[in-house]
Amino acid sequence: MEFPQFRKLENGRSLYKITAPNQFIELQQIGSKWLLYTFEVQQFPDLLRLKEMLSCHTPFEVLDAQEFNQIYKQTLPPHV
């Protein structure tokens, strides 16, 4: 499998960029803002969840890289 892979939750409020078999970035919508989290997965239950993400098991769906990157830019601090 090639990386990165992009996924989202069915409700569209969490977007994922999977960068390696054990690493991903999550963009989570809270109200009108998007929050950025980075994860390095080491525990078995989390590895199973990541595997579900890659397999597109419900509630995960394939996401377009352009859509992820557009929202990702909103989470970056403004340039001074």
PDB file of N, CA and C in Angstrom:
ATOM      1  N   MET A   1       0.844  -1.177   0.000  1.00  0.00           N
ATOM      2  CA  MET A   1       0.000   0.000   0.000  1.00  0.00           C
ATOM      3  C   MET A   1       0.891   1.243   0.000  1.00  0.00           C
ATOM      4  N   GLU A   2       0.503   2.205  -0.795  1.00  0.00           N
ATOM      5  CA  GLU A   2       1.244   3.465  -0.866  1.00  0.00           C
ATOM      6  C   GLU A   2       0.670   4.473   0.116  1.00  0.00           C
ATOM      7  N   PHE A   3       1.535   5.319   0.616  1.00  0.00           N
ATOM      8  CA  PHE A   3       1.127   6.377   1.541  1.00  0.00           C
ATOM      9  C   PHE A   3       1.523   7.714   0.956  1.00  0.00           C
ATOM     10  N   PRO A   4       0.787   8.764   1.237  1.00  0.00           N
ATOM     11  CA  PRO A   4      -0.318   8.842   2.190  1.00  0.00           C
ATOM     12  C   PRO A   4      -1.628   8.333   1.619  1.00  0.00           C
ATOM     13  N   GLN A   5      -2.521   7.921   2.523  1.00  0.00           N
ATOM     14  CA  GLN A   5      -3.899   7.541   2.228  1.00  0.00           C
ATOM     15  C   GLN A   5      -4.795   8.528   2.967  1.00  0.00           C
ATOM     16  N   PHE A   6      -5.954   8.826   2.404  1.00  0.00           N
ATOM     17  CA  PHE A   6      -6.854   9.806   2.998  1.00  0.00           C
ATOM     18  C   PHE A   6      -8.206   9.161   3.279  1.00  0.00           C
ATOM     19  N   ARG A   7      -8.721   9.406   4.488  1.00  0.00           N
ATOM     20  CA  ARG A   7     -10.016   8.863   4.901  1.00  0.00           C
ATOM     21  C   ARG A   7     -10.787   9.935   5.662  1.00  0.00           C
ATOM     22  N   LYS A   8     -12.087   9.706   5.794  1.00  0.00           N
ATOM     23  CA  LYS A   8     -12.928  10.583   6.610  1.00  0.00           C
ATOM     24  C   LYS A   8     -14.003   9.747   7.273  1.00  0.00           C
ATOM     25  N   LEU A   9     -14.575  10.299   8.351  1.00  0.00           N
ATOM     26  CA  LEU A   9     -15.741   9.674   8.955  1.00  0.00           C
ATOM     27  C   LEU A   9     -16.949   9.975   8.086  1.00  0.00           C
ATOM     28  N   GLU A  10     -17.955   9.131   8.157  1.00  0.00           N
ATOM     29  CA  GLU A  10     -19.180   9.324   7.367  1.00  0.00           C
ATOM     30  C   GLU A  10     -19.776  10.708   7.550  1.00  0.00           C
ATOM     31  N   ASN A  11     -19.698  11.252   8.776  1.00  0.00           N
ATOM     32  CA  ASN A  11     -20.309  12.557   9.044  1.00  0.00           C
ATOM     33  C   ASN A  11     -19.430  13.722   8.573  1.00  0.00           C
ATOM     34  N   GLY A  12     -18.210  13.446   8.105  1.00  0.00           N
ATOM     35  CA  GLY A  12     -17.333  14.475   7.571  1.00  0.00           C
ATOM     36  C   GLY A  12     -16.687  15.376   8.610  1.00  0.00           C
ATOM     37  N   ARG A  13     -16.835  15.058   9.887  1.00  0.00           N
ATOM     38  CA  ARG A  13     -16.304  15.930  10.943  1.00  0.00           C
ATOM     39  C   ARG A  13     -14.903  15.541  11.400  1.00  0.00           C
ATOM     40  N   SER A  14     -14.384  14.430  10.908  1.00  0.00           N
ATOM     41  CA  SER A  14     -13.004  14.025  11.156  1.00  0.00           C
ATOM     42  C   SER A  14     -12.408  13.553   9.839  1.00  0.00           C
ATOM     43  N   LEU A  15     -11.254  14.141   9.504  1.00  0.00           N
ATOM     44  CA  LEU A  15     -10.536  13.796   8.277  1.00  0.00           C
ATOM     45  C   LEU A  15      -9.176  13.242   8.676  1.00  0.00           C
ATOM     46  N   TYR A  16      -8.675  12.289   7.899  1.00  0.00           N
ATOM     47  CA  TYR A  16      -7.434  11.616   8.254  1.00  0.00           C
ATOM     48  C   TYR A  16      -6.489  11.563   7.063  1.00  0.00           C
ATOM     49  N   LYS A  17      -5.213  11.842   7.345  1.00  0.00           N
ATOM     50  CA  LYS A  17      -4.135  11.611   6.387  1.00  0.00           C
ATOM     51  C   LYS A  17      -3.248  10.552   7.022  1.00  0.00           C
ATOM     52  N   ILE A  18      -3.269   9.355   6.456  1.00  0.00           N
ATOM     53  CA  ILE A  18      -2.492   8.245   6.993  1.00  0.00           C
ATOM     54  C   ILE A  18      -1.148   8.268   6.269  1.00  0.00           C
ATOM     55  N   THR A  19      -0.087   8.539   7.027  1.00  0.00           N
ATOM     56  CA  THR A  19       1.229   8.758   6.436  1.00  0.00           C
ATOM     57  C   THR A  19       2.122   7.523   6.463  1.00  0.00           C
ATOM     58  N   ALA A  20       1.768   6.542   7.283  1.00  0.00           N
ATOM     59  CA  ALA A  20       2.531   5.290   7.414  1.00  0.00           C
ATOM     60  C   ALA A  20       1.614   4.267   8.073  1.00  0.00           C
ATOM     61  N   PRO A  21       1.999   2.997   8.089  1.00  0.00           N
ATOM     62  CA  PRO A  21       1.140   1.986   8.707  1.00  0.00           C
ATOM     63  C   PRO A  21       0.836   2.240  10.178  1.00  0.00           C
ATOM     64  N   ASN A  22       1.612   3.127  10.824  1.00  0.00           N
ATOM     65  CA  ASN A  22       1.364   3.400  12.237  1.00  0.00           C
ATOM     66  C   ASN A  22       1.333   4.904  12.558  1.00  0.00           C
ATOM     67  N   GLN A  23       1.116   5.744  11.552  1.00  0.00           N
ATOM     68  CA  GLN A  23       1.085   7.192  11.777  1.00  0.00           C
ATOM     69  C   GLN A  23      -0.033   7.831  10.969  1.00  0.00           C
ATOM     70  N   PHE A  24      -0.695   8.814  11.599  1.00  0.00           N
ATOM     71  CA  PHE A  24      -1.694   9.569  10.854  1.00  0.00           C
ATOM     72  C   PHE A  24      -1.905  10.936  11.474  1.00  0.00           C
ATOM     73  N   ILE A  25      -2.490  11.813  10.674  1.00  0.00           N
ATOM     74  CA  ILE A  25      -2.883  13.153  11.095  1.00  0.00           C
ATOM     75  C   ILE A  25      -4.401  13.179  11.066  1.00  0.00           C
ATOM     76  N   GLU A  26      -4.997  13.744  12.102  1.00  0.00           N
ATOM     77  CA  GLU A  26      -6.458  13.886  12.150  1.00  0.00           C
ATOM     78  C   GLU A  26      -6.813  15.359  12.195  1.00  0.00           C
ATOM     79  N   LEU A  27      -7.766  15.753  11.370  1.00  0.00           N
ATOM     80  CA  LEU A  27      -8.378  17.067  11.436  1.00  0.00           C
ATOM     81  C   LEU A  27      -9.785  16.854  11.965  1.00  0.00           C
ATOM     82  N   GLN A  28     -10.097  17.471  13.100  1.00  0.00           N
ATOM     83  CA  GLN A  28     -11.396  17.269  13.730  1.00  0.00           C
ATOM     84  C   GLN A  28     -12.127  18.600  13.807  1.00  0.00           C
ATOM     85  N   GLN A  29     -13.366  18.605  13.320  1.00  0.00           N
ATOM     86  CA  GLN A  29     -14.178  19.816  13.350  1.00  0.00           C
ATOM     87  C   GLN A  29     -14.919  19.924  14.676  1.00  0.00           C
ATOM     88  N   ILE A  30     -14.682  21.041  15.362  1.00  0.00           N
ATOM     89  CA  ILE A  30     -15.383  21.366  16.606  1.00  0.00           C
ATOM     90  C   ILE A  30     -16.038  22.721  16.366  1.00  0.00           C
ATOM     91  N   GLY A  31     -17.358  22.735  16.249  1.00  0.00           N
ATOM     92  CA  GLY A  31     -18.048  23.973  15.893  1.00  0.00           C
ATOM     93  C   GLY A  31     -17.630  24.401  14.504  1.00  0.00           C
ATOM     94  N   SER A  32     -17.135  25.623  14.377  1.00  0.00           N
ATOM     95  CA  SER A  32     -16.700  26.116  13.068  1.00  0.00           C
ATOM     96  C   SER A  32     -15.188  26.006  12.883  1.00  0.00           C
ATOM     97  N   LYS A  33     -14.481  25.480  13.884  1.00  0.00           N
ATOM     98  CA  LYS A  33     -13.023  25.378  13.821  1.00  0.00           C
ATOM     99  C   LYS A  33     -12.573  23.952  13.569  1.00  0.00           C
ATOM    100  N   TRP A  34     -11.390  23.828  12.981  1.00  0.00           N
ATOM    101  CA  TRP A  34     -10.761  22.533  12.760  1.00  0.00           C
ATOM    102  C   TRP A  34      -9.539  22.433  13.649  1.00  0.00           C
ATOM    103  N   LEU A  35      -9.409  21.324  14.356  1.00  0.00           N
ATOM    104  CA  LEU A  35      -8.261  21.068  15.216  1.00  0.00           C
ATOM    105  C   LEU A  35      -7.385  19.998  14.580  1.00  0.00           C
ATOM    106  N   LEU A  36      -6.085  20.124  14.767  1.00  0.00           N
ATOM    107  CA  LEU A  36      -5.108  19.226  14.169  1.00  0.00           C
ATOM    108  C   LEU A  36      -4.462  18.362  15.251  1.00  0.00           C
ATOM    109  N   TYR A  37      -4.428  17.054  15.014  1.00  0.00           N
ATOM    110  CA  TYR A  37      -3.781  16.110  15.925  1.00  0.00           C
ATOM    111  C   TYR A  37      -2.866  15.202  15.106  1.00  0.00           C
ATOM    112  N   THR A  38      -1.724  14.860  15.651  1.00  0.00           N
ATOM    113  CA  THR A  38      -0.850  13.876  15.011  1.00  0.00           C
ATOM    114  C   THR A  38      -0.708  12.676  15.944  1.00  0.00           C
ATOM    115  N   PHE A  39      -0.686  11.499  15.361  1.00  0.00           N
ATOM    116  CA  PHE A  39      -0.636  10.260  16.136  1.00  0.00           C
ATOM    117  C   PHE A  39       0.452   9.338  15.610  1.00  0.00           C
ATOM    118  N   GLU A  40       1.167   8.729  16.529  1.00  0.00           N
ATOM    119  CA  GLU A  40       2.038   7.605  16.216  1.00  0.00           C
ATOM    120  C   GLU A  40       1.489   6.431  17.013  1.00  0.00           C
ATOM    121  N   VAL A  41       0.866   5.515  16.325  1.00  0.00           N
ATOM    122  CA  VAL A  41       0.119   4.427  16.939  1.00  0.00           C
ATOM    123  C   VAL A  41       1.083   3.321  17.379  1.00  0.00           C
ATOM    124  N   GLN A  42       0.932   2.902  18.641  1.00  0.00           N
ATOM    125  CA  GLN A  42       1.779   1.833  19.161  1.00  0.00           C
ATOM    126  C   GLN A  42       0.973   0.729  19.842  1.00  0.00           C
ATOM    127  N   GLN A  43      -0.213   1.050  20.339  1.00  0.00           N
ATOM    128  CA  GLN A  43      -1.008   0.053  21.055  1.00  0.00           C
ATOM    129  C   GLN A  43      -1.880  -0.727  20.072  1.00  0.00           C
ATOM    130  N   PHE A  44      -2.058  -1.989  20.366  1.00  0.00           N
ATOM    131  CA  PHE A  44      -2.774  -2.895  19.465  1.00  0.00           C
ATOM    132  C   PHE A  44      -4.186  -2.426  19.107  1.00  0.00           C
ATOM    133  N   PRO A  45      -5.009  -1.984  20.055  1.00  0.00           N
ATOM    134  CA  PRO A  45      -6.359  -1.531  19.664  1.00  0.00           C
ATOM    135  C   PRO A  45      -6.328  -0.365  18.670  1.00  0.00           C
ATOM    136  N   ASP A  46      -5.345   0.514  18.842  1.00  0.00           N
ATOM    137  CA  ASP A  46      -5.217   1.646  17.919  1.00  0.00           C
ATOM    138  C   ASP A  46      -4.734   1.190  16.546  1.00  0.00           C
ATOM    139  N   LEU A  47      -3.869   0.174  16.522  1.00  0.00           N
ATOM    140  CA  LEU A  47      -3.436  -0.385  15.240  1.00  0.00           C
ATOM    141  C   LEU A  47      -4.612  -1.019  14.499  1.00  0.00           C
ATOM    142  N   LEU A  48      -5.522  -1.671  15.241  1.00  0.00           N
ATOM    143  CA  LEU A  48      -6.719  -2.246  14.618  1.00  0.00           C
ATOM    144  C   LEU A  48      -7.600  -1.157  14.023  1.00  0.00           C
ATOM    145  N   ARG A  49      -7.744  -0.055  14.749  1.00  0.00           N
ATOM    146  CA  ARG A  49      -8.551   1.066  14.239  1.00  0.00           C
ATOM    147  C   ARG A  49      -7.921   1.631  12.970  1.00  0.00           C
ATOM    148  N   LEU A  50      -6.617   1.760  12.954  1.00  0.00           N
ATOM    149  CA  LEU A  50      -5.931   2.258  11.767  1.00  0.00           C
ATOM    150  C   LEU A  50      -6.127   1.301  10.589  1.00  0.00           C
ATOM    151  N   LYS A  51      -6.106   0.013  10.874  1.00  0.00           N
ATOM    152  CA  LYS A  51      -6.353  -0.981   9.831  1.00  0.00           C
ATOM    153  C   LYS A  51      -7.777  -0.843   9.277  1.00  0.00           C
ATOM    154  N   GLU A  52      -8.758  -0.581  10.155  1.00  0.00           N
ATOM    155  CA  GLU A  52     -10.138  -0.341   9.712  1.00  0.00           C
ATOM    156  C   GLU A  52     -10.216   0.897   8.830  1.00  0.00           C
ATOM    157  N   MET A  53      -9.465   1.925   9.201  1.00  0.00           N
ATOM    158  CA  MET A  53      -9.438   3.138   8.391  1.00  0.00           C
ATOM    159  C   MET A  53      -8.930   2.823   6.991  1.00  0.00           C
ATOM    160  N   LEU A  54      -7.825   2.104   6.914  1.00  0.00           N
ATOM    161  CA  LEU A  54      -7.234   1.777   5.616  1.00  0.00           C
ATOM    162  C   LEU A  54      -8.143   0.876   4.785  1.00  0.00           C
ATOM    163  N   SER A  55      -8.895   0.006   5.452  1.00  0.00           N
ATOM    164  CA  SER A  55      -9.805  -0.906   4.748  1.00  0.00           C
ATOM    165  C   SER A  55     -11.140  -0.258   4.399  1.00  0.00           C
ATOM    166  N   CYS A  56     -11.347   0.967   4.857  1.00  0.00           N
ATOM    167  CA  CYS A  56     -12.601   1.711   4.622  1.00  0.00           C
ATOM    168  C   CYS A  56     -13.807   1.006   5.222  1.00  0.00           C
ATOM    169  N   HIS A  57     -13.624   0.378   6.384  1.00  0.00           N
ATOM    170  CA  HIS A  57     -14.766  -0.195   7.088  1.00  0.00           C
ATOM    171  C   HIS A  57     -15.590   0.937   7.688  1.00  0.00           C
ATOM    172  N   THR A  58     -16.900   0.758   7.713  1.00  0.00           N
ATOM    173  CA  THR A  58     -17.796   1.741   8.302  1.00  0.00           C
ATOM    174  C   THR A  58     -17.322   2.089   9.699  1.00  0.00           C
ATOM    175  N   PRO A  59     -17.198   3.326  10.067  1.00  0.00           N
ATOM    176  CA  PRO A  59     -17.730   4.558   9.473  1.00  0.00           C
ATOM    177  C   PRO A  59     -16.722   5.325   8.616  1.00  0.00           C
ATOM    178  N   PHE A  60     -15.654   4.675   8.132  1.00  0.00           N
ATOM    179  CA  PHE A  60     -14.622   5.369   7.359  1.00  0.00           C
ATOM    180  C   PHE A  60     -14.894   5.297   5.869  1.00  0.00           C
ATOM    181  N   GLU A  61     -14.579   6.396   5.184  1.00  0.00           N
ATOM    182  CA  GLU A  61     -14.750   6.494   3.737  1.00  0.00           C
ATOM    183  C   GLU A  61     -13.482   7.085   3.130  1.00  0.00           C
ATOM    184  N   VAL A  62     -13.274   6.835   1.847  1.00  0.00           N
ATOM    185  CA  VAL A  62     -12.143   7.426   1.131  1.00  0.00           C
ATOM    186  C   VAL A  62     -12.360   8.932   1.025  1.00  0.00           C
ATOM    187  N   LEU A  63     -11.275   9.667   1.171  1.00  0.00           N
ATOM    188  CA  LEU A  63     -11.303  11.122   1.108  1.00  0.00           C
ATOM    189  C   LEU A  63     -10.351  11.582   0.017  1.00  0.00           C
ATOM    190  N   ASP A  64     -10.723  12.627  -0.692  1.00  0.00           N
ATOM    191  CA  ASP A  64      -9.879  13.215  -1.719  1.00  0.00           C
ATOM    192  C   ASP A  64      -8.759  14.016  -1.055  1.00  0.00           C
ATOM    193  N   ALA A  65      -7.530  13.836  -1.516  1.00  0.00           N
ATOM    194  CA  ALA A  65      -6.378  14.537  -0.933  1.00  0.00           C
ATOM    195  C   ALA A  65      -6.554  16.046  -0.995  1.00  0.00           C
ATOM    196  N   GLN A  66      -7.130  16.540  -2.068  1.00  0.00           N
ATOM    197  CA  GLN A  66      -7.332  17.985  -2.221  1.00  0.00           C
ATOM    198  C   GLN A  66      -8.255  18.531  -1.132  1.00  0.00           C
ATOM    199  N   GLU A  67      -9.309  17.795  -0.798  1.00  0.00           N
ATOM    200  CA  GLU A  67     -10.226  18.223   0.253  1.00  0.00           C
ATOM    201  C   GLU A  67      -9.508  18.276   1.605  1.00  0.00           C
ATOM    202  N   PHE A  68      -8.703  17.250   1.895  1.00  0.00           N
ATOM    203  CA  PHE A  68      -7.945  17.249   3.141  1.00  0.00           C
ATOM    204  C   PHE A  68      -7.010  18.453   3.196  1.00  0.00           C
ATOM    205  N   ASN A  69      -6.244  18.664   2.127  1.00  0.00           N
ATOM    206  CA  ASN A  69      -5.247  19.734   2.110  1.00  0.00           C
ATOM    207  C   ASN A  69      -5.880  21.116   2.220  1.00  0.00           C
ATOM    208  N   GLN A  70      -7.047  21.291   1.645  1.00  0.00           N
ATOM    209  CA  GLN A  70      -7.746  22.579   1.731  1.00  0.00           C
ATOM    210  C   GLN A  70      -8.092  22.897   3.193  1.00  0.00           C
ATOM    211  N   ILE A  71      -8.589  21.936   3.917  1.00  0.00           N
ATOM    212  CA  ILE A  71      -8.943  22.155   5.321  1.00  0.00           C
ATOM    213  C   ILE A  71      -7.684  22.210   6.184  1.00  0.00           C
ATOM    214  N   TYR A  72      -6.674  21.407   5.849  1.00  0.00           N
ATOM    215  CA  TYR A  72      -5.413  21.418   6.581  1.00  0.00           C
ATOM    216  C   TYR A  72      -4.809  22.826   6.592  1.00  0.00           C
ATOM    217  N   LYS A  73      -4.876  23.516   5.479  1.00  0.00           N
ATOM    218  CA  LYS A  73      -4.346  24.880   5.389  1.00  0.00           C
ATOM    219  C   LYS A  73      -5.032  25.827   6.387  1.00  0.00           C
ATOM    220  N   GLN A  74      -6.281  25.566   6.695  1.00  0.00           N
ATOM    221  CA  GLN A  74      -7.029  26.401   7.653  1.00  0.00           C
ATOM    222  C   GLN A  74      -6.504  26.229   9.076  1.00  0.00           C
ATOM    223  N   THR A  75      -5.854  25.099   9.364  1.00  0.00           N
ATOM    224  CA  THR A  75      -5.370  24.839  10.716  1.00  0.00           C
ATOM    225  C   THR A  75      -3.984  25.409  10.967  1.00  0.00           C
ATOM    226  N   LEU A  76      -3.303  25.832   9.889  1.00  0.00           N
ATOM    227  CA  LEU A  76      -1.960  26.364  10.044  1.00  0.00           C
ATOM    228  C   LEU A  76      -2.017  27.790  10.581  1.00  0.00           C
ATOM    229  N   PRO A  77      -1.028  28.169  11.385  1.00  0.00           N
ATOM    230  CA  PRO A  77      -1.031  29.552  11.902  1.00  0.00           C
ATOM    231  C   PRO A  77      -0.818  30.544  10.756  1.00  0.00           C
ATOM    232  N   PRO A  78      -1.418  31.728  10.847  1.00  0.00           N
ATOM    233  CA  PRO A  78      -1.234  32.732   9.793  1.00  0.00           C
ATOM    234  C   PRO A  78       0.216  33.216   9.740  1.00  0.00           C
ATOM    235  N   HIS A  79       0.662  33.546   8.545  1.00  0.00           N
ATOM    236  CA  HIS A  79       2.013  34.083   8.395  1.00  0.00           C
ATOM    237  C   HIS A  79       2.057  35.516   8.875  1.00  0.00           C
ATOM    238  N   VAL A  80       3.119  35.851   9.566  1.00  0.00           N
ATOM    239  CA  VAL A  80       3.271  37.207  10.098  1.00  0.00           C
ATOM    240  C   VAL A  80       3.989  38.068   9.120  1.00  0.00           C
TER     241      VAL A  80
END
